[in-house]
Amino acid sequence: RIALTRYLSTRREFFCSQKVTVTLKSNV
């Protein structure tokens, strides 16, 4: 269960970073 939580948290961070990258590219 801990591994699953860690996986979800990592996936969320990755998604957020991707979202920020797309936003920056759109602004530029």
N, C-alpha and C. Protein backbone atom coordinates (compact mmCIF):
# COMPACT_ATOMS: atom_id res chain seq x y z
N ARG A 1 0.84 -1.20 0.00
CA ARG A 1 0.00 0.00 0.00
C ARG A 1 0.88 1.25 0.00
N ILE A 2 1.98 1.21 0.72
CA ILE A 2 2.89 2.36 0.74
C ILE A 2 3.48 2.58 -0.65
N ALA A 3 3.83 1.50 -1.32
CA ALA A 3 4.41 1.62 -2.66
C ALA A 3 3.39 2.27 -3.60
N LEU A 4 2.14 1.90 -3.44
CA LEU A 4 1.09 2.46 -4.30
C LEU A 4 0.95 3.95 -4.06
N THR A 5 0.98 4.34 -2.79
CA THR A 5 0.86 5.76 -2.45
C THR A 5 2.02 6.54 -3.04
N ARG A 6 3.22 5.95 -2.92
CA ARG A 6 4.42 6.62 -3.47
C ARG A 6 4.29 6.75 -4.98
N TYR A 7 3.77 5.70 -5.62
CA TYR A 7 3.60 5.72 -7.07
C TYR A 7 2.63 6.83 -7.48
N LEU A 8 1.52 6.94 -6.76
CA LEU A 8 0.53 7.96 -7.08
C LEU A 8 1.09 9.35 -6.87
N SER A 9 1.83 9.54 -5.78
CA SER A 9 2.40 10.87 -5.50
C SER A 9 3.41 11.24 -6.57
N THR A 10 4.23 10.26 -7.00
CA THR A 10 5.24 10.53 -8.03
C THR A 10 4.55 10.86 -9.35
N ARG A 11 3.50 10.12 -9.65
CA ARG A 11 2.77 10.35 -10.89
C ARG A 11 2.13 11.74 -10.88
N ARG A 12 1.63 12.14 -9.71
CA ARG A 12 1.00 13.46 -9.60
C ARG A 12 2.04 14.55 -9.82
N GLU A 13 3.22 14.40 -9.22
CA GLU A 13 4.29 15.39 -9.39
C GLU A 13 4.70 15.47 -10.85
N PHE A 14 4.81 14.30 -11.50
CA PHE A 14 5.19 14.27 -12.91
C PHE A 14 4.14 14.99 -13.76
N PHE A 15 2.87 14.74 -13.46
CA PHE A 15 1.79 15.37 -14.21
C PHE A 15 1.82 16.88 -14.03
N CYS A 16 2.07 17.32 -12.78
CA CYS A 16 2.12 18.76 -12.50
C CYS A 16 3.28 19.39 -13.25
N SER A 17 4.43 18.73 -13.25
CA SER A 17 5.60 19.29 -13.94
C SER A 17 5.32 19.37 -15.44
N GLN A 18 4.66 18.36 -15.98
CA GLN A 18 4.33 18.36 -17.40
C GLN A 18 3.37 19.51 -17.71
N LYS A 19 2.41 19.71 -16.81
CA LYS A 19 1.41 20.77 -17.00
C LYS A 19 2.10 22.13 -16.99
N VAL A 20 3.05 22.32 -16.10
CA VAL A 20 3.78 23.59 -16.00
C VAL A 20 4.60 23.80 -17.27
N THR A 21 5.24 22.73 -17.75
CA THR A 21 6.06 22.83 -18.95
C THR A 21 5.21 23.24 -20.15
N VAL A 22 4.05 22.64 -20.28
CA VAL A 22 3.14 22.97 -21.39
C VAL A 22 2.69 24.42 -21.27
N THR A 23 2.42 24.85 -20.04
CA THR A 23 1.97 26.23 -19.82
C THR A 23 3.06 27.21 -20.21
N LEU A 24 4.30 26.92 -19.84
CA LEU A 24 5.42 27.80 -20.17
C LEU A 24 5.60 27.87 -21.68
N LYS A 25 5.52 26.73 -22.35
CA LYS A 25 5.68 26.70 -23.81
C LYS A 25 4.56 27.50 -24.47
N SER A 26 3.36 27.40 -23.93
CA SER A 26 2.23 28.13 -24.51
C SER A 26 2.43 29.63 -24.34
N ASN A 27 2.95 30.04 -23.19
CA ASN A 27 3.18 31.46 -22.94
C ASN A 27 4.26 32.00 -23.87
N VAL A 28 5.28 31.18 -24.11
CA VAL A 28 6.38 31.61 -24.98
C VAL A 28 5.93 31.44 -26.43
